[in-house]
């Protein structure tokens, strides 16, 4: 590994961003050096172990939600049976609305916490990518050329600011609207807003899929074109160096070594960036996944004994958290996919 090539990259901004985001000691430069020397700073087993630990911790924190919903469901069922004895539908409906309002307040608090967690992940990923782009694109420039680096530099900046608008101005407000529709839809015996609720949830899913398809398509096309252009330029430069009288072979050999070192460095930076993104999103994804399963499982458990509106509201909240999980996962995949495409397609 050429130390001069490594010294050209400044990881200080990346390290500063990681120190603010991750509550653990993690050296980006040391991770790059470990990967370049053939070591494995993290293994698949360690990721699985971390995920299982996070899942256990999340379940311990969220089990109170399960107990609270279960108690409210049992209370709603008992009140309904008690009021049925007096043959008074009005009293029974008032009793249901009281317990349903308590349930909605609980679910609103749960969903707000999940949305806040998702927002923090989005902000952390964007902050890390903003710090990564200069050093990573410089590594791409050293290994391939300016055309590839410029294209993906502009694309990543555009993607970061587009996601900032999409998430802050569209995604999270639409998901809040979705939760409100879920609550109103199950408040009455007739589901007057079921189609609107379903459409809102599907619209979020469609938007995320379209965004993922567009980014994958752009990366695939650019990954086939721009690296080939830079590779042609590098090949021409190397051949021209070999044609120099007297020192041609030595100059060509030095050029090959420098390009090879730059490609190796670019791969190390890209792999380290993917690793950091995985660490940033692993915990929140596990938390959102556990919460989704908990809400969906609770809805299935109370359905036989509760009013269908009660279990439907719990299931709708679980679907809202699942959409948050899908959003976080999609944003992570967008950046990981871009880094991987450039890392694999650019070979110097």
Protein backbone atom coordinates (compact mmCIF):
# COMPACT_ATOMS: atom_id res chain seq x y z
CA UNK A 1 0.00 0.00 0.00
CA UNK A 2 1.42 3.35 -1.00
CA UNK A 3 1.56 5.55 2.09
CA UNK A 4 1.71 8.71 -0.02
CA UNK A 5 -1.64 7.84 -1.58
CA UNK A 6 -3.15 7.23 1.86
CA UNK A 7 -1.82 10.51 3.23
CA UNK A 8 -3.66 12.44 0.53
CA UNK A 9 -6.99 11.54 2.10
CA UNK A 10 -8.26 13.50 5.08
CA UNK A 11 -10.50 11.43 7.37
CA UNK A 12 -10.82 14.09 10.08
CA UNK A 13 -14.34 15.20 9.06
CA UNK A 14 -15.48 11.58 8.83
CA UNK A 15 -14.07 10.83 12.25
CA UNK A 16 -15.68 13.94 13.75
CA UNK A 17 -19.07 12.93 12.35
CA UNK A 18 -18.68 9.38 13.65
CA UNK A 19 -17.69 10.58 17.11
CA UNK A 20 -20.89 12.63 17.26
CA UNK A 21 -23.12 9.85 15.90
CA UNK A 22 -21.73 6.64 17.40
CA UNK A 23 -21.50 6.34 21.16
CA UNK A 24 -18.47 4.10 20.90
CA UNK A 25 -14.81 4.41 19.98
CA UNK A 26 -14.48 3.71 16.27
CA UNK A 27 -11.54 4.82 14.16
CA UNK A 28 -12.37 5.11 10.48
CA UNK A 29 -8.71 5.33 9.47
CA UNK A 30 -7.79 2.23 11.48
CA UNK A 31 -10.70 0.36 9.91
CA UNK A 32 -9.48 1.27 6.42
CA UNK A 33 -5.95 0.16 7.29
CA UNK A 34 -7.26 -3.11 8.76
CA UNK A 35 -9.19 -3.88 5.59
CA UNK A 36 -6.22 -3.01 3.39
CA UNK A 37 -3.99 -5.37 5.38
CA UNK A 38 -6.47 -8.23 4.98
CA UNK A 39 -7.88 -8.16 8.51
CA UNK A 40 -11.58 -8.31 9.39
CA UNK A 41 -12.52 -5.55 11.86
CA UNK A 42 -16.02 -7.04 12.10
CA UNK A 43 -17.35 -10.47 11.25
CA UNK A 44 -20.79 -11.65 10.23
CA UNK A 45 -21.05 -13.49 13.53
CA UNK A 46 -20.44 -10.28 15.47
CA UNK A 47 -23.20 -8.52 13.51
CA UNK A 48 -25.65 -11.32 14.28
CA UNK A 49 -24.65 -11.25 17.93
CA UNK A 50 -25.11 -7.48 18.05
CA UNK A 51 -28.51 -7.77 16.35
CA UNK A 52 -29.68 -10.43 18.82
CA UNK A 53 -28.48 -8.36 21.77
CA UNK A 54 -30.28 -5.30 20.43
CA UNK A 55 -33.43 -7.35 19.82
CA UNK A 56 -33.42 -8.62 23.40
CA UNK A 57 -32.89 -5.12 24.76
CA UNK A 58 -35.66 -3.71 22.56
CA UNK A 59 -38.11 -6.40 23.63
CA UNK A 60 -37.33 -5.72 27.28
CA UNK A 61 -38.03 -2.02 26.76
CA UNK A 62 -41.17 -2.53 24.68
CA UNK A 63 -42.82 -5.32 26.65
CA UNK A 64 -44.59 -2.68 28.77
CA UNK A 65 -46.39 -1.61 25.59
CA UNK A 66 -47.60 -5.18 25.10
CA UNK A 67 -48.86 -5.36 28.69
CA UNK A 68 -50.61 -1.97 28.47
CA UNK A 69 -52.41 -2.83 25.22
CA UNK A 70 -53.40 -6.23 26.60
CA UNK A 71 -54.83 -4.66 29.77
CA UNK A 72 -56.77 -2.09 27.74
CA UNK A 73 -58.08 -4.83 25.45
CA UNK A 74 -59.27 -6.95 28.36
CA UNK A 75 -60.83 -3.90 30.03
CA UNK A 76 -62.66 -3.00 26.81
CA UNK A 77 -63.99 -6.56 26.48
CA UNK A 78 -65.16 -6.65 30.12
CA UNK A 79 -66.88 -3.28 29.84
CA UNK A 80 -68.65 -4.38 26.69
CA UNK A 81 -69.91 -7.58 28.29
CA UNK A 82 -70.95 -5.69 31.43
CA UNK A 83 -72.95 -3.09 29.49
CA UNK A 84 -74.58 -5.78 27.35
CA UNK A 85 -76.27 -7.06 30.51
CA UNK A 86 -78.23 -3.80 30.76
CA UNK A 87 -79.15 -3.85 27.06
CA UNK A 88 -77.94 -0.27 26.69
CA UNK A 89 -75.96 0.25 23.49
CA UNK A 90 -75.20 3.87 24.30
CA UNK A 91 -73.41 3.04 27.54
CA UNK A 92 -71.47 0.29 25.78
CA UNK A 93 -70.38 2.64 22.99
CA UNK A 94 -69.26 5.30 25.48
CA UNK A 95 -67.26 2.69 27.38
CA UNK A 96 -65.60 1.56 24.17
CA UNK A 97 -64.74 5.11 23.15
CA UNK A 98 -63.11 5.79 26.52
CA UNK A 99 -60.85 2.74 26.30
CA UNK A 100 -60.25 3.38 22.59
CA UNK A 101 -59.10 6.94 23.34
CA UNK A 102 -56.65 5.62 25.94
CA UNK A 103 -55.41 3.10 23.38
CA UNK A 104 -54.91 5.79 20.76
CA UNK A 105 -52.96 8.00 23.15
CA UNK A 106 -50.70 5.04 23.95
CA UNK A 107 -50.21 4.13 20.29
CA UNK A 108 -49.62 7.77 19.36
CA UNK A 109 -46.84 7.95 21.93
CA UNK A 110 -45.34 4.70 20.61
CA UNK A 111 -45.48 5.84 16.99
CA UNK A 112 -44.06 9.28 17.82
CA UNK A 113 -41.10 7.60 19.50
CA UNK A 114 -40.57 5.34 16.48
CA UNK A 115 -40.82 8.31 14.07
CA UNK A 116 -38.30 10.25 16.17
CA UNK A 117 -35.92 7.29 16.08
CA UNK A 118 -36.29 7.04 12.29
CA UNK A 119 -35.68 10.80 11.94
CA UNK A 120 -32.49 10.51 13.99
CA UNK A 121 -31.26 7.69 11.75
CA UNK A 122 -31.96 9.73 8.61
CA UNK A 123 -30.07 12.70 10.05
CA UNK A 124 -27.12 10.52 11.13
CA UNK A 125 -26.83 8.83 7.73
CA UNK A 126 -26.95 12.18 5.91
CA UNK A 127 -24.37 13.71 8.23
CA UNK A 128 -22.01 10.77 7.74
CA UNK A 129 -22.44 10.82 3.96
CA UNK A 130 -21.74 14.57 3.80
CA UNK A 131 -18.49 13.98 5.69
CA UNK A 132 -17.60 10.92 3.60
CA UNK A 133 -18.16 12.32 0.09
CA UNK A 134 -15.01 14.53 -0.22
CA UNK A 135 -12.54 11.84 0.91
CA UNK A 136 -14.28 9.03 -0.93
CA UNK A 137 -14.59 10.92 -4.21
CA UNK A 138 -10.91 11.88 -3.95
CA UNK A 139 -10.09 8.19 -3.60
CA UNK A 140 -12.23 7.48 -6.69
CA UNK A 141 -10.40 10.27 -8.56
CA UNK A 142 -7.00 8.81 -7.66
CA UNK A 143 -8.01 5.31 -8.71
CA UNK A 144 -10.07 6.03 -11.81
CA UNK A 145 -10.33 9.65 -12.84
CA UNK A 146 -12.33 12.82 -12.53
CA UNK A 147 -15.32 11.83 -14.68
CA UNK A 148 -16.52 9.04 -12.37
CA UNK A 149 -15.84 11.02 -9.22
CA UNK A 150 -17.63 14.12 -10.53
CA UNK A 151 -20.73 12.22 -11.64
CA UNK A 152 -21.19 10.37 -8.37
CA UNK A 153 -20.18 13.40 -6.29
CA UNK A 154 -23.01 15.41 -7.83
CA UNK A 155 -25.39 12.47 -7.62
CA UNK A 156 -24.73 11.83 -3.91
CA UNK A 157 -25.10 15.50 -3.01
CA UNK A 158 -28.37 15.64 -4.94
CA UNK A 159 -29.56 12.42 -3.29
CA UNK A 160 -28.78 13.73 0.20
CA UNK A 161 -30.71 16.95 -0.27
CA UNK A 162 -33.56 15.21 -2.12
CA UNK A 163 -33.95 12.74 0.74
CA UNK A 164 -33.81 15.58 3.25
CA UNK A 165 -36.81 17.19 1.54
CA UNK A 166 -38.62 13.93 0.83
CA UNK A 167 -38.36 12.67 4.40
CA UNK A 168 -38.96 15.94 6.22
CA UNK A 169 -41.64 17.42 3.97
CA UNK A 170 -43.41 14.35 2.58
CA UNK A 171 -42.69 10.98 4.19
CA UNK A 172 -43.02 11.70 7.91
CA UNK A 173 -46.06 14.04 7.52
CA UNK A 174 -47.83 11.42 5.35
CA UNK A 175 -47.12 8.73 7.94
CA UNK A 176 -48.53 10.97 10.68
CA UNK A 177 -51.63 11.41 8.50
CA UNK A 178 -51.77 7.64 8.09
CA UNK A 179 -51.86 7.14 11.85
CA UNK A 180 -54.64 9.72 12.20
CA UNK A 181 -56.66 7.96 9.49
CA UNK A 182 -56.16 4.62 11.24
CA UNK A 183 -57.54 6.07 14.47
CA UNK A 184 -60.56 7.74 12.83
CA UNK A 185 -61.30 4.75 10.61
CA UNK A 186 -61.62 2.36 13.56
CA UNK A 187 -63.50 4.78 15.77
CA UNK A 188 -66.86 3.93 14.21
CA UNK A 189 -68.37 0.53 13.48
CA UNK A 190 -68.45 1.28 9.77
CA UNK A 191 -64.95 1.79 8.32
CA UNK A 192 -65.64 4.87 6.24
CA UNK A 193 -61.95 5.67 5.67
CA UNK A 194 -60.57 2.19 5.04
CA UNK A 195 -59.80 2.88 1.36
CA UNK A 196 -58.15 6.22 2.15
CA UNK A 197 -56.08 4.63 4.91
CA UNK A 198 -54.97 1.78 2.65
CA UNK A 199 -54.14 4.18 -0.19
CA UNK A 200 -52.03 6.38 2.10
CA UNK A 201 -50.01 3.41 3.34
CA UNK A 202 -49.52 2.05 -0.18
CA UNK A 203 -48.49 5.50 -1.45
CA UNK A 204 -45.60 5.54 1.02
CA UNK A 205 -44.52 2.06 -0.04
CA UNK A 206 -44.78 2.94 -3.74
CA UNK A 207 -42.75 6.13 -3.27
CA UNK A 208 -39.95 4.23 -1.54
CA UNK A 209 -39.91 1.53 -4.22
CA UNK A 210 -39.86 4.10 -7.04
CA UNK A 211 -36.99 5.95 -5.33
CA UNK A 212 -35.04 2.71 -4.89
CA UNK A 213 -35.63 1.72 -8.53
CA UNK A 214 -34.52 5.13 -9.82
CA UNK A 215 -31.30 5.12 -7.78
CA UNK A 216 -30.46 1.52 -8.71
CA UNK A 217 -31.11 2.31 -12.39
CA UNK A 218 -28.91 5.42 -12.32
CA UNK A 219 -26.09 3.59 -10.52
CA UNK A 220 -26.27 0.68 -12.95
CA UNK A 221 -26.10 2.87 -16.06
CA UNK A 222 -23.41 5.21 -14.75
CA UNK A 223 -21.47 2.26 -13.31
CA UNK A 224 -21.18 0.86 -16.85
CA UNK A 225 -20.31 4.11 -18.64
CA UNK A 226 -18.21 6.59 -16.64
CA UNK A 227 -15.71 4.09 -15.15
CA UNK A 228 -15.06 2.76 -18.67
CA UNK A 229 -14.22 6.28 -19.87
CA UNK A 230 -11.77 6.84 -17.01
CA UNK A 231 -10.30 3.36 -17.47
CA UNK A 232 -9.58 4.15 -21.12
CA UNK A 233 -7.79 7.36 -20.12
CA UNK A 234 -5.69 5.53 -17.49
CA UNK A 235 -4.77 2.81 -19.96
CA UNK A 236 -3.68 5.43 -22.51
CA UNK A 237 -1.60 7.20 -19.84
CA UNK A 238 0.12 3.97 -18.81
CA UNK A 239 0.92 3.03 -22.39
CA UNK A 240 2.27 6.49 -23.10
CA UNK A 241 4.52 6.23 -20.05
CA UNK A 242 5.87 2.89 -21.29
CA UNK A 243 6.79 4.47 -24.62
CA UNK A 244 9.22 6.94 -23.03
CA UNK A 245 12.77 6.21 -24.23
CA UNK A 246 15.01 4.62 -21.64
CA UNK A 247 12.69 4.86 -18.65
CA UNK A 248 9.48 3.67 -20.31
CA UNK A 249 9.21 0.32 -18.54
CA UNK A 250 10.08 1.82 -15.16
CA UNK A 251 7.63 4.69 -15.61
CA UNK A 252 4.89 2.31 -16.73
CA UNK A 253 5.56 0.06 -13.74
CA UNK A 254 5.38 3.00 -11.33
CA UNK A 255 2.12 4.14 -12.92
CA UNK A 256 0.65 0.64 -12.54
CA UNK A 257 1.70 0.50 -8.88
CA UNK A 258 0.21 3.92 -8.13
CA UNK A 259 -3.07 3.08 -9.86
CA UNK A 260 -3.23 -0.29 -8.12
CA UNK A 261 -2.61 1.32 -4.72
CA UNK A 262 -5.27 3.94 -5.39
CA UNK A 263 -7.81 1.27 -6.37
CA UNK A 264 -6.99 -0.69 -3.22
CA UNK A 265 -7.40 2.45 -1.10
CA UNK A 266 -10.71 3.28 -2.78
CA UNK A 267 -11.97 -0.22 -2.02
CA UNK A 268 -10.89 0.08 1.60
CA UNK A 269 -12.65 3.43 2.05
CA UNK A 270 -15.80 2.11 0.35
CA UNK A 271 -15.89 -1.06 2.46
CA UNK A 272 -15.34 0.96 5.64
CA UNK A 273 -18.17 3.32 4.68
CA UNK A 274 -20.56 0.39 4.13
CA UNK A 275 -19.52 -1.00 7.50
CA UNK A 276 -20.22 2.31 9.23
CA UNK A 277 -23.65 2.61 7.56
CA UNK A 278 -24.47 -0.90 8.76
CA UNK A 279 -23.47 0.00 12.31
CA UNK A 280 -25.50 3.22 12.18
CA UNK A 281 -28.69 1.51 11.04
CA UNK A 282 -28.48 -1.94 12.63
CA UNK A 283 -29.73 -0.93 16.07
CA UNK A 284 -32.64 1.28 14.91
CA UNK A 285 -33.73 -1.28 12.31
CA UNK A 286 -33.82 -4.01 14.95
CA UNK A 287 -35.77 -1.75 17.32
CA UNK A 288 -38.35 -0.86 14.66
CA UNK A 289 -38.60 -4.50 13.58
CA UNK A 290 -39.18 -5.72 17.14
CA UNK A 291 -41.79 -3.01 17.74
CA UNK A 292 -43.60 -3.94 14.50
CA UNK A 293 -43.72 -7.62 15.45
CA UNK A 294 -44.85 -6.72 18.96
CA UNK A 295 -47.76 -4.58 17.75
CA UNK A 296 -48.80 -7.04 15.05
CA UNK A 297 -48.57 -9.95 17.50
CA UNK A 298 -50.56 -8.09 20.15
CA UNK A 299 -53.30 -7.29 17.61
CA UNK A 300 -53.54 -10.97 16.68
CA UNK A 301 -53.63 -11.99 20.34
CA UNK A 302 -56.44 -9.64 21.43
CA UNK A 303 -58.57 -10.06 18.30
CA UNK A 304 -60.62 -13.04 19.64
CA UNK A 305 -61.70 -11.19 22.80
CA UNK A 306 -61.86 -7.54 21.73
CA UNK A 307 -63.91 -5.44 19.38
CA UNK A 308 -62.47 -5.64 15.86
CA UNK A 309 -61.98 -1.87 15.89
CA UNK A 310 -59.67 -2.20 18.88
CA UNK A 311 -57.43 -4.86 17.31
CA UNK A 312 -57.61 -3.05 13.95
CA UNK A 313 -56.19 0.12 15.45
CA UNK A 314 -53.30 -1.80 17.03
CA UNK A 315 -52.61 -3.58 13.74
CA UNK A 316 -52.71 -0.23 11.89
CA UNK A 317 -50.14 1.22 14.28
CA UNK A 318 -47.95 -1.81 13.63
CA UNK A 319 -48.25 -1.16 9.89
CA UNK A 320 -47.20 2.46 10.44
CA UNK A 321 -44.07 1.36 12.30
CA UNK A 322 -43.39 -1.17 9.53
CA UNK A 323 -43.46 1.65 6.98
CA UNK A 324 -40.91 3.52 9.10
CA UNK A 325 -38.76 0.38 9.09
CA UNK A 326 -39.08 0.19 5.30
CA UNK A 327 -38.11 3.86 4.95
CA UNK A 328 -34.96 3.50 7.10
CA UNK A 329 -33.98 0.30 5.30
CA UNK A 330 -34.54 1.88 1.86
CA UNK A 331 -32.46 4.99 2.66
CA UNK A 332 -29.63 2.78 3.94
CA UNK A 333 -29.75 0.59 0.82
CA UNK A 334 -29.67 3.67 -1.45
CA UNK A 335 -26.33 4.86 -0.10
CA UNK A 336 -24.86 1.37 0.31
CA UNK A 337 -25.84 0.52 -3.27
CA UNK A 338 -24.17 3.67 -4.63
CA UNK A 339 -20.93 3.00 -2.73
CA UNK A 340 -20.87 -0.66 -3.75
CA UNK A 341 -21.54 0.10 -7.42
CA UNK A 342 -18.68 2.60 -7.60
CA UNK A 343 -16.35 0.39 -5.58
CA UNK A 344 -16.98 -2.66 -7.77
CA UNK A 345 -17.18 -0.94 -11.17
CA UNK A 346 -14.10 1.31 -10.80
CA UNK A 347 -10.96 -0.78 -11.27
CA UNK A 348 -8.51 1.85 -12.35
